[in-house]
């Protein structure tokens, strides 16, 4: 193999540390790499330079095996085994000079030729590694959400107090723990079985029906689960997924558009992805789904996303989306905020400004309460309870 193997370079906004992070995040489950192979690859990447990852350059190291073994406190055999593993995975290429030794020449900061460990295959696989990482991230999101749904469904079954159906649920998941389960197929099978048990509960007229609607309901009641009426005594109005999307930011609607027809599954998936991009942790999203129901959690993220996109320094900007969502969950448990009223205020604002879908600016004081002021009341109260402004 040529000792001057070049590569096409990394994208302009990607550094070698980003490339290495992809490999380490994928690790054994994503790439099937042993810990030793990952450690050796990390060493070689750090022995290279950032400029080596530009298009048309040679990215290589030519340290002798014995030196690498000393640096990593390993034996030479372990280094050779790790290099063969990395080569078999298509992450490095091993090149040799005329006498079989490792050597190279760097002049003016640029490698002119090298015989040793060439990292061109790793650089060229960046797009594939990124796609694999994204696929694993989405899969993990699905796993986390499914686990949250399983816990919520089990809680609803237990709350019904029917011993026979509780026994059926315990037979489906004997120890009640989902943490050790990582395969989405297994989790979905468990959830489907538990949903069947829950359906038997909700179809039994002797059992109080749950106020937490399923995704098949096109117009779920999005008021707090503990209260079905407003302060005026009238039932709270509802909102459809399509109407909610009309109130969302342009970016949110673009995400939702790739998930099919506008329904609750589409809205939930869009909010889950948006939550990740807003920096809301999966545990926070899972707790919101468990505490509010997936549909209401999705609407909360829609609201937070809208306010997070206000200009920097705006008094109503949601600067800490994760804290906002956590605060909404706590406030809902105490009937501390009216999500439906907030969304209706959004709708009034949309009617007043047709064609405008981004979050409106702060109204003047004489305009009276509006969507922005209602949103501010909620997010400010939540931020205060967290000890930090929203």
Protein backbone atom coordinates (compact mmCIF):
# COMPACT_ATOMS: atom_id res chain seq x y z
CA UNK A 1 0.00 0.00 0.00
CA UNK A 2 1.23 3.48 -0.82
CA UNK A 3 2.98 5.35 1.96
CA UNK A 4 1.37 8.60 0.72
CA UNK A 5 -2.29 7.65 1.23
CA UNK A 6 -4.28 10.93 1.30
CA UNK A 7 -7.91 11.61 2.19
CA UNK A 8 -10.79 13.96 1.37
CA UNK A 9 -10.72 15.75 4.73
CA UNK A 10 -13.28 16.36 7.45
CA UNK A 11 -16.11 18.89 7.05
CA UNK A 12 -14.93 22.42 7.79
CA UNK A 13 -16.71 22.62 11.16
CA UNK A 14 -15.52 19.21 12.39
CA UNK A 15 -12.33 18.66 14.38
CA UNK A 16 -10.41 15.50 15.10
CA UNK A 17 -11.81 15.47 18.64
CA UNK A 18 -15.32 15.33 17.14
CA UNK A 19 -14.31 12.40 14.96
CA UNK A 20 -12.82 10.61 17.95
CA UNK A 21 -15.92 11.28 20.03
CA UNK A 22 -18.06 9.56 17.41
CA UNK A 23 -15.92 6.44 17.60
CA UNK A 24 -15.89 6.41 21.40
CA UNK A 25 -19.65 7.04 21.62
CA UNK A 26 -20.38 4.19 19.23
CA UNK A 27 -17.84 2.00 21.04
CA UNK A 28 -18.37 -1.70 21.41
CA UNK A 29 -22.10 -1.73 20.70
CA UNK A 30 -21.89 0.43 17.59
CA UNK A 31 -18.60 -0.69 16.04
CA UNK A 32 -17.77 -3.87 17.89
CA UNK A 33 -14.45 -2.42 19.05
CA UNK A 34 -12.67 -3.77 22.08
CA UNK A 35 -11.63 -1.32 24.78
CA UNK A 36 -7.95 -1.85 23.88
CA UNK A 37 -8.54 -1.09 20.21
CA UNK A 38 -10.46 2.06 21.14
CA UNK A 39 -7.67 3.13 23.45
CA UNK A 40 -5.00 2.57 20.78
CA UNK A 41 -7.02 4.50 18.17
CA UNK A 42 -7.47 7.38 20.61
CA UNK A 43 -3.69 7.44 21.13
CA UNK A 44 -3.01 7.61 17.40
CA UNK A 45 -5.56 10.37 16.83
CA UNK A 46 -4.00 12.48 19.59
CA UNK A 47 -0.55 11.84 18.12
CA UNK A 48 -1.71 13.40 14.85
CA UNK A 49 -2.34 17.11 14.26
CA UNK A 50 -5.46 19.08 13.36
CA UNK A 51 -3.95 20.17 10.05
CA UNK A 52 -3.51 16.53 9.06
CA UNK A 53 -7.30 16.27 8.68
CA UNK A 54 -7.53 18.80 5.84
CA UNK A 55 -8.49 17.57 2.38
CA UNK A 56 -5.58 16.20 0.36
CA UNK A 57 -3.31 15.76 3.40
CA UNK A 58 -1.73 12.64 4.82
CA UNK A 59 -2.96 11.80 8.34
CA UNK A 60 -0.61 9.27 9.87
CA UNK A 61 1.68 8.37 12.76
CA UNK A 62 4.78 6.21 12.47
CA UNK A 63 5.71 5.44 16.06
CA UNK A 64 7.22 2.01 16.54
CA UNK A 65 5.04 -0.59 18.19
CA UNK A 66 7.32 -0.82 21.22
CA UNK A 67 7.04 2.94 21.85
CA UNK A 68 3.24 2.85 21.63
CA UNK A 69 3.25 -0.12 24.01
CA UNK A 70 5.34 1.87 26.50
CA UNK A 71 3.12 4.95 26.18
CA UNK A 72 -0.03 2.93 26.89
CA UNK A 73 1.53 0.53 29.40
CA UNK A 74 0.64 -2.44 27.23
CA UNK A 75 2.64 -5.22 25.63
CA UNK A 76 3.63 -5.13 21.95
CA UNK A 77 1.39 -8.07 21.21
CA UNK A 78 -1.64 -6.17 22.51
CA UNK A 79 -0.77 -3.24 20.24
CA UNK A 80 -0.42 -5.50 17.20
CA UNK A 81 -3.74 -7.19 17.99
CA UNK A 82 -5.48 -3.83 18.40
CA UNK A 83 -4.06 -2.55 15.10
CA UNK A 84 -5.26 -5.65 13.26
CA UNK A 85 -8.71 -5.16 14.80
CA UNK A 86 -8.82 -1.51 13.75
CA UNK A 87 -7.69 -2.42 10.25
CA UNK A 88 -10.33 -5.15 9.98
CA UNK A 89 -12.99 -2.60 11.02
CA UNK A 90 -11.84 -0.26 8.26
CA UNK A 91 -10.65 2.49 10.59
CA UNK A 92 -6.92 2.53 9.82
CA UNK A 93 -4.50 1.36 7.15
CA UNK A 94 -1.09 -0.05 7.99
CA UNK A 95 1.61 0.96 5.53
CA UNK A 96 5.28 0.02 5.47
CA UNK A 97 8.45 1.42 3.95
CA UNK A 98 10.95 -0.39 1.82
CA UNK A 99 12.64 -2.11 4.74
CA UNK A 100 9.39 -2.83 6.59
CA UNK A 101 10.08 -0.18 9.25
CA UNK A 102 7.78 2.64 10.26
CA UNK A 103 8.97 6.09 9.31
CA UNK A 104 7.79 9.34 7.80
CA UNK A 105 8.63 12.94 6.96
CA UNK A 106 6.86 16.08 8.15
CA UNK A 107 8.05 19.31 6.55
CA UNK A 108 6.54 22.75 7.07
CA UNK A 109 3.93 21.18 9.32
CA UNK A 110 2.73 18.89 6.51
CA UNK A 111 3.36 15.15 6.26
CA UNK A 112 5.10 14.49 2.94
CA UNK A 113 5.08 10.72 3.26
CA UNK A 114 4.56 8.19 6.00
CA UNK A 115 4.87 4.47 6.55
CA UNK A 116 3.03 3.35 9.67
CA UNK A 117 -0.55 3.88 10.84
CA UNK A 118 -2.55 5.86 8.28
CA UNK A 119 -5.84 7.34 9.52
CA UNK A 120 -7.27 8.12 6.09
CA UNK A 121 -9.89 5.31 6.35
CA UNK A 122 -11.13 6.80 9.62
CA UNK A 123 -11.40 10.28 8.10
CA UNK A 124 -13.23 8.98 5.05
CA UNK A 125 -15.77 7.16 7.22
CA UNK A 126 -16.84 10.28 9.12
CA UNK A 127 -20.20 10.54 7.31
CA UNK A 128 -20.96 6.85 7.92
CA UNK A 129 -19.97 7.11 11.58
CA UNK A 130 -22.11 10.21 12.02
CA UNK A 131 -25.10 8.46 10.46
CA UNK A 132 -24.58 5.42 12.69
CA UNK A 133 -24.34 7.66 15.76
CA UNK A 134 -27.54 9.50 14.80
CA UNK A 135 -29.34 6.20 14.27
CA UNK A 136 -28.23 5.00 17.71
CA UNK A 137 -29.31 8.29 19.28
CA UNK A 138 -32.78 7.99 17.78
CA UNK A 139 -32.96 4.36 18.86
CA UNK A 140 -31.96 5.32 22.41
CA UNK A 141 -34.63 8.01 22.45
CA UNK A 142 -37.17 5.41 21.41
CA UNK A 143 -35.93 3.08 24.16
CA UNK A 144 -36.14 5.79 26.82
CA UNK A 145 -39.61 6.87 25.76
CA UNK A 146 -40.88 3.29 25.61
CA UNK A 147 -39.54 2.64 29.12
CA UNK A 148 -41.33 5.75 30.38
CA UNK A 149 -44.55 4.55 28.74
CA UNK A 150 -44.19 1.11 30.32
CA UNK A 151 -43.77 2.65 33.78
CA UNK A 152 -46.76 4.92 33.22
CA UNK A 153 -48.96 2.07 32.00
CA UNK A 154 -47.98 -0.15 34.94
CA UNK A 155 -48.84 2.68 37.34
CA UNK A 156 -52.27 3.14 35.74
CA UNK A 157 -52.93 -0.59 36.03
CA UNK A 158 -51.92 -0.63 39.70
CA UNK A 159 -54.02 2.45 40.44
CA UNK A 160 -57.09 0.66 39.10
CA UNK A 161 -56.85 -1.79 42.01
CA UNK A 162 -58.01 -4.87 40.10
CA UNK A 163 -55.99 -7.83 41.52
CA UNK A 164 -56.52 -10.08 38.51
CA UNK A 165 -55.32 -7.49 36.01
CA UNK A 166 -52.43 -6.44 38.25
CA UNK A 167 -51.36 -10.09 38.34
CA UNK A 168 -51.46 -10.19 34.53
CA UNK A 169 -49.27 -7.08 34.38
CA UNK A 170 -46.81 -8.61 36.86
CA UNK A 171 -46.63 -11.75 34.70
CA UNK A 172 -45.70 -9.63 31.68
CA UNK A 173 -42.89 -7.90 33.56
CA UNK A 174 -42.27 -9.99 36.72
CA UNK A 175 -39.82 -7.76 38.56
CA UNK A 176 -41.24 -4.52 37.18
CA UNK A 177 -37.81 -3.31 36.08
CA UNK A 178 -37.13 -2.11 32.53
CA UNK A 179 -33.65 -0.68 33.14
CA UNK A 180 -31.83 -3.92 32.17
CA UNK A 181 -33.77 -4.18 28.87
CA UNK A 182 -32.13 -2.40 25.94
CA UNK A 183 -33.74 -3.91 22.84
CA UNK A 184 -36.54 -1.73 21.51
CA UNK A 185 -38.35 -4.76 20.07
CA UNK A 186 -38.58 -6.37 23.50
CA UNK A 187 -39.73 -3.13 25.12
CA UNK A 188 -42.40 -2.56 22.48
CA UNK A 189 -43.71 -6.11 22.99
CA UNK A 190 -43.97 -5.48 26.75
CA UNK A 191 -45.72 -2.16 26.21
CA UNK A 192 -48.20 -3.70 23.77
CA UNK A 193 -49.03 -6.46 26.27
CA UNK A 194 -49.51 -3.94 29.09
CA UNK A 195 -51.68 -1.73 26.88
CA UNK A 196 -53.91 -4.76 26.28
CA UNK A 197 -54.30 -5.16 30.05
CA UNK A 198 -55.02 -1.44 30.42
CA UNK A 199 -57.63 -1.67 27.65
CA UNK A 200 -59.44 -4.34 29.68
CA UNK A 201 -59.49 -1.97 32.63
CA UNK A 202 -60.84 1.00 30.68
CA UNK A 203 -63.51 -1.16 29.00
CA UNK A 204 -64.80 -2.41 32.36
CA UNK A 205 -67.66 -0.13 33.52
CA UNK A 206 -66.91 -1.05 37.13
CA UNK A 207 -63.49 0.58 36.96
CA UNK A 208 -62.93 4.31 36.93
CA UNK A 209 -61.54 5.25 33.56
CA UNK A 210 -58.17 6.89 33.36
CA UNK A 211 -58.07 10.57 32.46
CA UNK A 212 -54.83 10.05 30.54
CA UNK A 213 -55.94 9.56 26.90
CA UNK A 214 -54.36 7.23 24.39
CA UNK A 215 -52.78 8.42 21.17
CA UNK A 216 -55.80 7.18 19.22
CA UNK A 217 -57.90 9.98 20.71
CA UNK A 218 -57.75 12.82 18.26
CA UNK A 219 -58.72 15.47 20.80
CA UNK A 220 -57.37 14.56 24.26
CA UNK A 221 -58.19 16.68 27.27
CA UNK A 222 -54.93 18.52 27.90
CA UNK A 223 -55.97 19.97 31.24
CA UNK A 224 -54.14 18.78 34.36
CA UNK A 225 -55.04 15.16 35.14
CA UNK A 226 -56.30 16.07 38.63
CA UNK A 227 -58.76 18.67 37.42
CA UNK A 228 -61.28 18.41 34.61
CA UNK A 229 -62.82 21.84 35.01
CA UNK A 230 -61.62 25.40 34.92
CA UNK A 231 -62.17 27.90 37.71
CA UNK A 232 -65.42 28.94 36.02
CA UNK A 233 -66.77 25.40 36.37
CA UNK A 234 -66.99 24.75 32.61
CA UNK A 235 -65.07 21.83 31.04
CA UNK A 236 -61.73 22.91 29.60
CA UNK A 237 -61.66 23.09 25.77
CA UNK A 238 -59.31 20.88 23.78
CA UNK A 239 -56.93 21.31 20.85
CA UNK A 240 -56.18 19.05 17.89
CA UNK A 241 -52.64 18.13 16.77
CA UNK A 242 -53.17 20.05 13.52
CA UNK A 243 -54.18 23.20 15.41
CA UNK A 244 -51.20 22.82 17.74
CA UNK A 245 -48.82 22.61 14.78
CA UNK A 246 -50.25 25.86 13.45
CA UNK A 247 -49.00 27.50 16.67
CA UNK A 248 -45.52 25.96 16.52
CA UNK A 249 -42.33 27.57 15.27
CA UNK A 250 -41.28 27.10 11.66
CA UNK A 251 -38.43 24.85 12.81
CA UNK A 252 -40.76 22.67 14.86
CA UNK A 253 -43.17 22.24 11.96
CA UNK A 254 -40.30 21.31 9.67
CA UNK A 255 -39.31 18.53 12.10
CA UNK A 256 -42.90 17.35 12.39
CA UNK A 257 -43.35 17.24 8.62
CA UNK A 258 -40.97 14.29 8.30
CA UNK A 259 -43.03 12.16 10.70
CA UNK A 260 -46.14 11.74 8.54
CA UNK A 261 -49.66 13.06 8.86
CA UNK A 262 -50.29 15.55 11.70
CA UNK A 263 -51.53 13.42 14.57
CA UNK A 264 -50.51 12.85 18.15
CA UNK A 265 -47.77 10.32 17.25
CA UNK A 266 -46.30 12.90 14.85
CA UNK A 267 -46.48 15.65 17.50
CA UNK A 268 -44.92 13.43 20.19
CA UNK A 269 -42.03 12.41 17.94
CA UNK A 270 -41.41 16.01 16.85
CA UNK A 271 -41.36 17.17 20.48
CA UNK A 272 -39.03 14.37 21.50
CA UNK A 273 -36.55 15.37 18.79
CA UNK A 274 -36.99 19.09 19.52
CA UNK A 275 -36.42 18.46 23.23
CA UNK A 276 -33.07 16.87 22.43
CA UNK A 277 -32.05 19.81 20.26
CA UNK A 278 -33.10 22.23 23.01
CA UNK A 279 -30.80 20.44 25.45
CA UNK A 280 -33.64 18.80 27.40
CA UNK A 281 -32.33 15.50 28.72
CA UNK A 282 -34.04 12.24 27.91
CA UNK A 283 -34.72 11.65 31.61
CA UNK A 284 -36.52 15.01 31.84
CA UNK A 285 -38.53 14.23 28.71
CA UNK A 286 -39.37 10.77 30.08
CA UNK A 287 -40.55 12.23 33.39
CA UNK A 288 -42.74 14.71 31.51
CA UNK A 289 -44.29 11.88 29.48
CA UNK A 290 -44.86 9.89 32.65
CA UNK A 291 -46.24 12.79 34.67
CA UNK A 292 -48.31 14.58 32.02
CA UNK A 293 -48.96 11.97 29.36
CA UNK A 294 -47.11 12.04 26.06
CA UNK A 295 -49.56 14.38 24.33
CA UNK A 296 -49.41 17.07 27.02
CA UNK A 297 -45.63 16.70 27.31
CA UNK A 298 -45.40 17.24 23.55
CA UNK A 299 -47.47 20.43 23.80
CA UNK A 300 -45.28 21.71 26.64
CA UNK A 301 -42.17 21.26 24.48
CA UNK A 302 -43.93 23.06 21.64
CA UNK A 303 -44.55 26.03 23.96
CA UNK A 304 -40.98 26.00 25.29
CA UNK A 305 -39.52 25.77 21.78
CA UNK A 306 -41.56 28.75 20.69
CA UNK A 307 -40.31 30.92 23.52
CA UNK A 308 -36.73 29.61 23.31
CA UNK A 309 -36.55 31.09 19.81
CA UNK A 310 -37.25 34.64 21.00
CA UNK A 311 -34.35 36.99 20.48
CA UNK A 312 -31.46 36.84 22.95
CA UNK A 313 -32.12 39.03 25.97
CA UNK A 314 -35.91 39.02 25.48
CA UNK A 315 -37.55 38.99 28.91
CA UNK A 316 -39.77 36.04 27.92
CA UNK A 317 -37.08 33.93 26.29
CA UNK A 318 -36.92 30.36 27.65
CA UNK A 319 -33.19 30.27 28.31
CA UNK A 320 -33.27 26.98 30.26
CA UNK A 321 -35.69 24.66 28.42
CA UNK A 322 -34.99 21.65 30.64
CA UNK A 323 -35.83 23.59 33.80
CA UNK A 324 -38.97 24.95 32.15
CA UNK A 325 -40.23 21.47 31.32
CA UNK A 326 -39.42 20.14 34.79
CA UNK A 327 -41.22 23.10 36.32
CA UNK A 328 -44.28 22.52 34.16
CA UNK A 329 -44.46 18.91 35.34
CA UNK A 330 -44.30 20.01 38.99
CA UNK A 331 -46.79 22.81 38.45
CA UNK A 332 -49.21 20.45 36.71
CA UNK A 333 -49.09 18.09 39.69
CA UNK A 334 -50.27 21.00 41.85
CA UNK A 335 -52.72 22.35 39.22
CA UNK A 336 -50.34 25.29 39.00
CA UNK A 337 -50.77 26.16 35.35
CA UNK A 338 -53.36 25.95 32.59
CA UNK A 339 -51.74 24.58 29.43
CA UNK A 340 -54.99 24.69 27.51
CA UNK A 341 -55.50 28.34 28.34
CA UNK A 342 -52.00 29.13 27.17
CA UNK A 343 -52.59 27.42 23.83
CA UNK A 344 -55.89 29.22 23.38
CA UNK A 345 -54.01 32.48 23.98
CA UNK A 346 -51.57 31.36 21.30
CA UNK A 347 -54.52 30.87 18.94
CA UNK A 348 -55.87 34.35 19.65
CA UNK A 349 -52.47 35.78 18.85
CA UNK A 350 -52.32 33.82 15.58
CA UNK A 351 -55.74 35.15 14.57
CA UNK A 352 -54.57 38.67 15.31
CA UNK A 353 -51.44 38.22 13.20
CA UNK A 354 -52.37 35.88 10.32
CA UNK A 355 -49.44 34.27 8.53
CA UNK A 356 -47.05 34.93 11.41
CA UNK A 357 -45.95 31.71 13.11
CA UNK A 358 -42.84 32.73 15.01
CA UNK A 359 -43.11 33.73 18.64
CA UNK A 360 -44.44 37.28 18.85
CA UNK A 361 -42.56 40.04 20.54
CA UNK A 362 -43.53 41.50 23.91
CA UNK A 363 -46.77 43.47 23.72
CA UNK A 364 -46.98 47.01 25.00
CA UNK A 365 -48.48 47.34 28.51
CA UNK A 366 -51.70 48.94 27.27
CA UNK A 367 -52.45 45.91 25.08
CA UNK A 368 -53.42 43.86 28.12
CA UNK A 369 -52.66 40.20 28.72
CA UNK A 370 -51.82 38.11 25.64
CA UNK A 371 -50.02 34.93 24.69
CA UNK A 372 -46.63 36.37 25.59
CA UNK A 373 -47.76 37.57 29.02
CA UNK A 374 -49.42 34.25 29.81
CA UNK A 375 -46.34 32.39 28.69
CA UNK A 376 -44.20 34.68 30.79
CA UNK A 377 -46.33 34.03 33.87
CA UNK A 378 -45.86 30.31 33.48
CA UNK A 379 -42.17 30.30 32.60
CA UNK A 380 -41.28 32.96 35.16
CA UNK A 381 -43.08 31.10 37.95
CA UNK A 382 -41.39 27.88 36.92
CA UNK A 383 -37.99 29.56 36.75
CA UNK A 384 -38.50 31.12 40.17
CA UNK A 385 -39.32 27.75 41.67
CA UNK A 386 -36.10 26.40 40.18
CA UNK A 387 -34.08 29.26 41.62
CA UNK A 388 -33.19 30.43 38.11
CA UNK A 389 -35.11 32.51 35.56
CA UNK A 390 -36.63 30.69 32.64
